[in-house]
Amino acid sequence: FATIVFGNISYKEKIEQVKANETSVEIQPSDSTSEKPATPFRSYRTFVKNWPNASKQLFKEKYEAGEPFTIFLVGSTAIDNDRFSLIDSLQTEMNEVFGSSVELKSKTYDMNSTQFIEGNMQDELAELGADMIIFEPLTYEDNKVGATTKSIEYLATVIEDVTAADENITFVLQPPPPLYEAVNYPPQVGNLKTFAEENSITYLDYWSNFPEQGDEDRADCGGYW
């Protein structure tokens, strides 16, 4: 996730860059009829370079209008639970880099893909007020109930329904968490990556930063893995 939000240079370098840009801006006489953002938009170009083009353009428009760009992290409870919260781990960095220009929120679902579609949860996603949805498909939960063949089909339905309801929402996909010594699970996640590539959807392949066989703490999760 940090790659999509901050690009490929280090977090400290980005903070220093923002501060340098802020101090180098010439102070202009105040205009009582309008308020301009304190930090020029060019300060953020490096940070958003990995964003989908539509998101970059919308962020620029909202930034210049003084409105926040809203990112929602959406997925299973694996991204937000008693042991780990992805949004908590990123919030400080997001605030220091973007300030109030970007809002980071999360929405989790304790269900599998079939339950998600049957409950029309995609309608709820369309009404979140998100500009970008970083979506973790529910492949992890699907495997708890046995072999799954419709995860990609359901994922396509979610994206189609949400973007049909609001064409300004952009999707970014990230895989569910790796599992220790899984057999069936990795190919399913590989199908997710292929789906993203075939549909020109930005994919956050963070698995490359994990040990090859995932986390041993997940070895006793049960399910079809």
C-alpha atoms as a PDB file:
ATOM      1  CA  PHE A   1       0.000   0.000   0.000  1.00  0.00           C
ATOM      2  CA  ALA A   2       2.833   2.409   0.805  1.00  0.00           C
ATOM      3  CA  THR A   3       4.001   2.114  -2.817  1.00  0.00           C
ATOM      4  CA  ILE A   4       0.709   3.397  -4.216  1.00  0.00           C
ATOM      5  CA  VAL A   5       0.460   6.204  -1.673  1.00  0.00           C
ATOM      6  CA  PHE A   6       4.059   7.328  -1.357  1.00  0.00           C
ATOM      7  CA  GLY A   7       5.805   6.070  -4.486  1.00  0.00           C
ATOM      8  CA  ASN A   8       9.233   4.462  -4.421  1.00  0.00           C
ATOM      9  CA  ILE A   9      11.314   6.937  -2.430  1.00  0.00           C
ATOM     10  CA  SER A  10      11.553   6.686   1.321  1.00  0.00           C
ATOM     11  CA  TYR A  11       8.994   8.152   3.670  1.00  0.00           C
ATOM     12  CA  LYS A  12      11.582  10.441   5.318  1.00  0.00           C
ATOM     13  CA  GLU A  13      12.664  11.761   1.927  1.00  0.00           C
ATOM     14  CA  LYS A  14       9.066  12.612   1.128  1.00  0.00           C
ATOM     15  CA  ILE A  15       8.507  14.465   4.386  1.00  0.00           C
ATOM     16  CA  GLU A  16      11.675  16.477   3.788  1.00  0.00           C
ATOM     17  CA  GLN A  17      10.524  17.215   0.247  1.00  0.00           C
ATOM     18  CA  VAL A  18       7.159  18.523   1.419  1.00  0.00           C
ATOM     19  CA  LYS A  19       8.804  20.780   4.014  1.00  0.00           C
ATOM     20  CA  ALA A  20      11.307  22.072   1.465  1.00  0.00           C
ATOM     21  CA  ASN A  21       8.545  22.924  -0.980  1.00  0.00           C
ATOM     22  CA  GLU A  22       6.542  24.637   1.737  1.00  0.00           C
ATOM     23  CA  THR A  23       9.441  26.883   2.805  1.00  0.00           C
ATOM     24  CA  SER A  24      10.466  27.715  -0.765  1.00  0.00           C
ATOM     25  CA  VAL A  25       7.066  29.063  -1.773  1.00  0.00           C
ATOM     26  CA  GLU A  26       6.946  32.828  -2.142  1.00  0.00           C
ATOM     27  CA  ILE A  27       4.376  34.360   0.197  1.00  0.00           C
ATOM     28  CA  GLN A  28       1.729  36.233  -1.741  1.00  0.00           C
ATOM     29  CA  PRO A  29      -0.568  38.971  -0.406  1.00  0.00           C
ATOM     30  CA  SER A  30      -3.697  37.453   1.070  1.00  0.00           C
ATOM     31  CA  ASP A  31      -6.893  37.517  -0.953  1.00  0.00           C
ATOM     32  CA  SER A  32      -9.935  37.851   1.255  1.00  0.00           C
ATOM     33  CA  THR A  33     -12.215  36.456  -1.451  1.00  0.00           C
ATOM     34  CA  SER A  34     -10.564  33.041  -1.671  1.00  0.00           C
ATOM     35  CA  GLU A  35      -8.255  30.704   0.159  1.00  0.00           C
ATOM     36  CA  LYS A  36      -5.553  28.726  -1.567  1.00  0.00           C
ATOM     37  CA  PRO A  37      -3.990  25.498  -0.243  1.00  0.00           C
ATOM     38  CA  ALA A  38      -0.916  26.223   1.902  1.00  0.00           C
ATOM     39  CA  THR A  39       1.229  23.691   0.016  1.00  0.00           C
ATOM     40  CA  PRO A  40       1.504  23.912  -3.807  1.00  0.00           C
ATOM     41  CA  PHE A  41       0.156  20.915  -5.710  1.00  0.00           C
ATOM     42  CA  ARG A  42       3.548  20.247  -7.287  1.00  0.00           C
ATOM     43  CA  SER A  43       4.740  19.136  -3.837  1.00  0.00           C
ATOM     44  CA  TYR A  44       2.560  16.040  -4.167  1.00  0.00           C
ATOM     45  CA  ARG A  45       3.349  14.982  -7.717  1.00  0.00           C
ATOM     46  CA  THR A  46       6.003  12.484  -6.632  1.00  0.00           C
ATOM     47  CA  PHE A  47       3.694  11.020  -3.992  1.00  0.00           C
ATOM     48  CA  VAL A  48       0.831  10.296  -6.382  1.00  0.00           C
ATOM     49  CA  LYS A  49       2.864   9.188  -9.399  1.00  0.00           C
ATOM     50  CA  ASN A  50       1.834   5.542  -8.881  1.00  0.00           C
ATOM     51  CA  TRP A  51      -1.865   6.355  -8.619  1.00  0.00           C
ATOM     52  CA  PRO A  52      -4.242   5.524 -11.487  1.00  0.00           C
ATOM     53  CA  ASN A  53      -4.408   8.478 -13.889  1.00  0.00           C
ATOM     54  CA  ALA A  54      -8.060   9.180 -13.104  1.00  0.00           C
ATOM     55  CA  SER A  55      -7.245   9.367  -9.386  1.00  0.00           C
ATOM     56  CA  LYS A  56      -4.332  11.731  -9.970  1.00  0.00           C
ATOM     57  CA  GLN A  57      -6.549  14.074 -11.969  1.00  0.00           C
ATOM     58  CA  LEU A  58      -9.378  13.976  -9.429  1.00  0.00           C
ATOM     59  CA  PHE A  59      -6.951  14.554  -6.550  1.00  0.00           C
ATOM     60  CA  LYS A  60      -5.582  17.627  -8.355  1.00  0.00           C
ATOM     61  CA  GLU A  61      -9.091  18.988  -8.937  1.00  0.00           C
ATOM     62  CA  LYS A  62     -10.141  18.415  -5.331  1.00  0.00           C
ATOM     63  CA  TYR A  63      -6.887  19.784  -3.971  1.00  0.00           C
ATOM     64  CA  GLU A  64      -7.257  23.001  -5.936  1.00  0.00           C
ATOM     65  CA  ALA A  65     -10.865  23.263  -4.768  1.00  0.00           C
ATOM     66  CA  GLY A  66      -9.805  22.773  -1.152  1.00  0.00           C
ATOM     67  CA  GLU A  67     -11.657  19.454  -0.853  1.00  0.00           C
ATOM     68  CA  PRO A  68     -10.197  16.216   0.577  1.00  0.00           C
ATOM     69  CA  PHE A  69      -9.567  13.186  -1.609  1.00  0.00           C
ATOM     70  CA  THR A  70     -11.006  10.116   0.137  1.00  0.00           C
ATOM     71  CA  ILE A  71      -9.332   6.703   0.032  1.00  0.00           C
ATOM     72  CA  PHE A  72     -11.140   3.680   1.463  1.00  0.00           C
ATOM     73  CA  LEU A  73      -9.344   0.469   2.380  1.00  0.00           C
ATOM     74  CA  VAL A  74     -11.922  -2.279   1.848  1.00  0.00           C
ATOM     75  CA  GLY A  75     -11.570  -5.982   2.529  1.00  0.00           C
ATOM     76  CA  SER A  76     -11.829  -8.788   5.038  1.00  0.00           C
ATOM     77  CA  THR A  77     -11.173  -8.408   8.759  1.00  0.00           C
ATOM     78  CA  ALA A  78      -7.574  -9.400   7.977  1.00  0.00           C
ATOM     79  CA  ILE A  79      -6.848  -5.709   7.275  1.00  0.00           C
ATOM     80  CA  ASP A  80      -8.407  -4.431  10.501  1.00  0.00           C
ATOM     81  CA  ASN A  81      -8.719  -6.586  13.612  1.00  0.00           C
ATOM     82  CA  ASP A  82      -7.570  -6.874  17.228  1.00  0.00           C
ATOM     83  CA  ARG A  83      -4.064  -7.955  16.188  1.00  0.00           C
ATOM     84  CA  PHE A  84      -3.439  -5.642  13.245  1.00  0.00           C
ATOM     85  CA  SER A  85      -4.900  -2.506  11.714  1.00  0.00           C
ATOM     86  CA  LEU A  86      -3.598  -1.442   8.313  1.00  0.00           C
ATOM     87  CA  ILE A  87      -5.237   1.966   8.553  1.00  0.00           C
ATOM     88  CA  ASP A  88      -3.696   2.671  11.969  1.00  0.00           C
ATOM     89  CA  SER A  89      -0.250   1.748  10.696  1.00  0.00           C
ATOM     90  CA  LEU A  90      -0.562   4.183   7.785  1.00  0.00           C
ATOM     91  CA  GLN A  91      -2.506   7.083   9.280  1.00  0.00           C
ATOM     92  CA  THR A  92       0.448   8.993  10.772  1.00  0.00           C
ATOM     93  CA  GLU A  93       2.442   8.833   7.544  1.00  0.00           C
ATOM     94  CA  MET A  94      -0.594   9.852   5.503  1.00  0.00           C
ATOM     95  CA  ASN A  95      -1.267  12.830   7.735  1.00  0.00           C
ATOM     96  CA  GLU A  96       2.333  14.035   7.636  1.00  0.00           C
ATOM     97  CA  VAL A  97       2.561  13.774   3.865  1.00  0.00           C
ATOM     98  CA  PHE A  98      -0.911  14.879   2.766  1.00  0.00           C
ATOM     99  CA  GLY A  99      -2.313  16.669   5.803  1.00  0.00           C
ATOM    100  CA  SER A 100      -6.031  17.249   5.373  1.00  0.00           C
ATOM    101  CA  SER A 101      -5.795  16.857   1.578  1.00  0.00           C
ATOM    102  CA  VAL A 102      -6.355  13.098   1.785  1.00  0.00           C
ATOM    103  CA  GLU A 103      -8.735  11.214   4.071  1.00  0.00           C
ATOM    104  CA  LEU A 104      -7.958   7.555   4.756  1.00  0.00           C
ATOM    105  CA  LYS A 105     -10.817   5.351   5.951  1.00  0.00           C
ATOM    106  CA  SER A 106     -11.558   1.629   6.098  1.00  0.00           C
ATOM    107  CA  LYS A 107     -14.499  -0.729   5.712  1.00  0.00           C
ATOM    108  CA  THR A 108     -14.221  -4.419   6.518  1.00  0.00           C
ATOM    109  CA  TYR A 109     -16.533  -7.354   5.897  1.00  0.00           C
ATOM    110  CA  ASP A 110     -16.622 -10.583   7.888  1.00  0.00           C
ATOM    111  CA  MET A 111     -18.043 -12.629   5.023  1.00  0.00           C
ATOM    112  CA  ASN A 112     -17.055 -14.427   1.828  1.00  0.00           C
ATOM    113  CA  SER A 113     -17.591 -13.308  -1.765  1.00  0.00           C
ATOM    114  CA  THR A 114     -20.891 -15.153  -2.159  1.00  0.00           C
ATOM    115  CA  GLN A 115     -22.330 -13.517   0.947  1.00  0.00           C
ATOM    116  CA  PHE A 116     -21.026 -10.153  -0.207  1.00  0.00           C
ATOM    117  CA  ILE A 117     -22.768 -10.365  -3.585  1.00  0.00           C
ATOM    118  CA  GLU A 118     -25.973 -11.891  -2.219  1.00  0.00           C
ATOM    119  CA  GLY A 119     -26.150  -9.079   0.328  1.00  0.00           C
ATOM    120  CA  ASN A 120     -25.569  -6.441  -2.406  1.00  0.00           C
ATOM    121  CA  MET A 121     -22.683  -5.001  -0.407  1.00  0.00           C
ATOM    122  CA  GLN A 122     -21.371  -3.417  -3.600  1.00  0.00           C
ATOM    123  CA  ASP A 123     -24.257  -0.942  -3.324  1.00  0.00           C
ATOM    124  CA  GLU A 124     -22.885   0.062   0.074  1.00  0.00           C
ATOM    125  CA  LEU A 125     -19.423   0.591  -1.421  1.00  0.00           C
ATOM    126  CA  ALA A 126     -20.856   2.927  -4.029  1.00  0.00           C
ATOM    127  CA  GLU A 127     -22.346   5.071  -1.265  1.00  0.00           C
ATOM    128  CA  LEU A 128     -19.236   5.374   0.919  1.00  0.00           C
ATOM    129  CA  GLY A 129     -18.192   8.634  -0.684  1.00  0.00           C
ATOM    130  CA  ALA A 130     -14.867   7.157  -1.798  1.00  0.00           C
ATOM    131  CA  ASP A 131     -12.712   8.600  -4.551  1.00  0.00           C
ATOM    132  CA  MET A 132     -10.382   5.590  -4.545  1.00  0.00           C
ATOM    133  CA  ILE A 133     -11.156   2.125  -3.190  1.00  0.00           C
ATOM    134  CA  ILE A 134      -8.166  -0.072  -2.380  1.00  0.00           C
ATOM    135  CA  PHE A 135      -9.951  -3.403  -2.438  1.00  0.00           C
ATOM    136  CA  GLU A 136      -8.791  -6.690  -0.975  1.00  0.00           C
ATOM    137  CA  PRO A 137     -11.011  -9.347  -2.617  1.00  0.00           C
ATOM    138  CA  LEU A 138     -12.467 -11.842  -0.157  1.00  0.00           C
ATOM    139  CA  THR A 139     -10.438 -14.787  -1.443  1.00  0.00           C
ATOM    140  CA  TYR A 140      -9.129 -15.470   2.046  1.00  0.00           C
ATOM    141  CA  GLU A 141     -12.669 -15.825   3.410  1.00  0.00           C
ATOM    142  CA  ASP A 142     -13.809 -17.814   0.357  1.00  0.00           C
ATOM    143  CA  ASN A 143     -11.302 -20.545   1.148  1.00  0.00           C
ATOM    144  CA  LYS A 144     -12.712 -21.067   4.610  1.00  0.00           C
ATOM    145  CA  VAL A 145     -15.806 -22.655   3.066  1.00  0.00           C
ATOM    146  CA  GLY A 146     -14.061 -24.873   0.505  1.00  0.00           C
ATOM    147  CA  ALA A 147     -12.911 -24.661  -3.095  1.00  0.00           C
ATOM    148  CA  THR A 148     -13.946 -21.485  -4.838  1.00  0.00           C
ATOM    149  CA  THR A 149     -14.380 -20.850  -8.545  1.00  0.00           C
ATOM    150  CA  LYS A 150     -16.313 -17.590  -8.584  1.00  0.00           C
ATOM    151  CA  SER A 151     -14.067 -15.144  -6.705  1.00  0.00           C
ATOM    152  CA  ILE A 152     -12.959 -13.410  -9.902  1.00  0.00           C
ATOM    153  CA  GLU A 153     -16.484 -13.375 -11.319  1.00  0.00           C
ATOM    154  CA  TYR A 154     -17.791 -11.785  -8.124  1.00  0.00           C
ATOM    155  CA  LEU A 155     -14.899  -9.305  -8.073  1.00  0.00           C
ATOM    156  CA  ALA A 156     -15.787  -8.194 -11.605  1.00  0.00           C
ATOM    157  CA  THR A 157     -19.399  -7.739 -10.522  1.00  0.00           C
ATOM    158  CA  VAL A 158     -18.376  -5.575  -7.574  1.00  0.00           C
ATOM    159  CA  ILE A 159     -16.225  -3.293  -9.708  1.00  0.00           C
ATOM    160  CA  GLU A 160     -18.801  -3.045 -12.500  1.00  0.00           C
ATOM    161  CA  ASP A 161     -21.672  -2.244 -10.148  1.00  0.00           C
ATOM    162  CA  VAL A 162     -19.753   0.334  -8.090  1.00  0.00           C
ATOM    163  CA  THR A 163     -18.311   2.197 -11.079  1.00  0.00           C
ATOM    164  CA  ALA A 164     -21.700   2.119 -12.818  1.00  0.00           C
ATOM    165  CA  ALA A 165     -23.175   3.851  -9.773  1.00  0.00           C
ATOM    166  CA  ASP A 166     -20.324   6.376  -9.553  1.00  0.00           C
ATOM    167  CA  GLU A 167     -17.922   6.607 -12.475  1.00  0.00           C
ATOM    168  CA  ASN A 168     -15.519   8.785 -10.471  1.00  0.00           C
ATOM    169  CA  ILE A 169     -14.591   5.925  -8.114  1.00  0.00           C
ATOM    170  CA  THR A 170     -11.300   4.260  -9.029  1.00  0.00           C
ATOM    171  CA  PHE A 171     -10.346   0.767  -7.875  1.00  0.00           C
ATOM    172  CA  VAL A 172      -6.910  -0.433  -6.830  1.00  0.00           C
ATOM    173  CA  LEU A 173      -6.560  -4.126  -5.983  1.00  0.00           C
ATOM    174  CA  GLN A 174      -4.393  -5.730  -3.345  1.00  0.00           C
ATOM    175  CA  PRO A 175      -4.160  -9.458  -2.601  1.00  0.00           C
ATOM    176  CA  PRO A 176      -5.373 -10.988   0.655  1.00  0.00           C
ATOM    177  CA  PRO A 177      -2.666 -11.939   3.184  1.00  0.00           C
ATOM    178  CA  PRO A 178      -0.243 -14.771   2.375  1.00  0.00           C
ATOM    179  CA  LEU A 179      -0.786 -18.132   4.083  1.00  0.00           C
ATOM    180  CA  TYR A 180       1.854 -20.487   5.375  1.00  0.00           C
ATOM    181  CA  GLU A 181       2.563 -23.449   3.049  1.00  0.00           C
ATOM    182  CA  ALA A 182      -0.733 -23.025   1.196  1.00  0.00           C
ATOM    183  CA  VAL A 183      -1.253 -25.044  -2.007  1.00  0.00           C
ATOM    184  CA  ASN A 184      -4.531 -23.961  -3.653  1.00  0.00           C
ATOM    185  CA  TYR A 185      -4.495 -20.396  -2.367  1.00  0.00           C
ATOM    186  CA  PRO A 186      -1.450 -18.923  -4.226  1.00  0.00           C
ATOM    187  CA  PRO A 187      -2.792 -19.802  -7.715  1.00  0.00           C
ATOM    188  CA  GLN A 188      -6.088 -18.140  -6.808  1.00  0.00           C
ATOM    189  CA  VAL A 189      -4.229 -14.986  -5.857  1.00  0.00           C
ATOM    190  CA  GLY A 190      -2.281 -15.319  -9.103  1.00  0.00           C
ATOM    191  CA  ASN A 191      -5.627 -15.244 -10.938  1.00  0.00           C
ATOM    192  CA  LEU A 192      -6.413 -12.015  -9.125  1.00  0.00           C
ATOM    193  CA  LYS A 193      -3.192 -10.451 -10.392  1.00  0.00           C
ATOM    194  CA  THR A 194      -3.951 -11.635 -13.926  1.00  0.00           C
ATOM    195  CA  PHE A 195      -7.461 -10.150 -13.717  1.00  0.00           C
ATOM    196  CA  ALA A 196      -5.984  -6.802 -12.669  1.00  0.00           C
ATOM    197  CA  GLU A 197      -3.477  -6.831 -15.529  1.00  0.00           C
ATOM    198  CA  GLU A 198      -6.096  -7.793 -18.128  1.00  0.00           C
ATOM    199  CA  ASN A 199      -8.403  -5.005 -16.975  1.00  0.00           C
ATOM    200  CA  SER A 200      -5.704  -2.329 -16.510  1.00  0.00           C
ATOM    201  CA  ILE A 201      -6.353  -2.076 -12.771  1.00  0.00           C
ATOM    202  CA  THR A 202      -3.492  -1.050 -10.506  1.00  0.00           C
ATOM    203  CA  TYR A 203      -2.386  -4.055  -8.436  1.00  0.00           C
ATOM    204  CA  LEU A 204      -0.401  -3.829  -5.190  1.00  0.00           C
ATOM    205  CA  ASP A 205       1.748  -6.942  -5.237  1.00  0.00           C
ATOM    206  CA  TYR A 206       2.989  -6.742  -1.650  1.00  0.00           C
ATOM    207  CA  TRP A 207       3.482 -10.522  -1.443  1.00  0.00           C
ATOM    208  CA  SER A 208       6.995 -10.007  -2.771  1.00  0.00           C
ATOM    209  CA  ASN A 209       7.837  -8.388   0.585  1.00  0.00           C
ATOM    210  CA  PHE A 210       6.757 -11.463   2.572  1.00  0.00           C
ATOM    211  CA  PRO A 211       8.585 -14.761   3.153  1.00  0.00           C
ATOM    212  CA  GLU A 212       7.942 -17.139   0.266  1.00  0.00           C
ATOM    213  CA  GLN A 213       5.565 -19.341   2.250  1.00  0.00           C
ATOM    214  CA  GLY A 214       3.767 -16.632   4.158  1.00  0.00           C
ATOM    215  CA  ASP A 215       3.383 -16.333   7.902  1.00  0.00           C
ATOM    216  CA  GLU A 216       3.630 -19.462  10.066  1.00  0.00           C
ATOM    217  CA  ASP A 217       1.079 -17.881  12.437  1.00  0.00           C
ATOM    218  CA  ARG A 218      -1.511 -18.572   9.732  1.00  0.00           C
ATOM    219  CA  ALA A 219      -0.647 -22.251   9.396  1.00  0.00           C
ATOM    220  CA  ASP A 220      -3.608 -23.362  11.536  1.00  0.00           C
ATOM    221  CA  CYS A 221      -6.306 -21.191   9.946  1.00  0.00           C
ATOM    222  CA  GLY A 222      -8.195 -24.182   8.532  1.00  0.00           C
ATOM    223  CA  GLY A 223     -10.091 -24.208   5.252  1.00  0.00           C
ATOM    224  CA  TYR A 224      -9.281 -25.225   1.678  1.00  0.00           C
ATOM    225  CA  TRP A 225      -5.875 -23.476   1.401  1.00  0.00           C
END
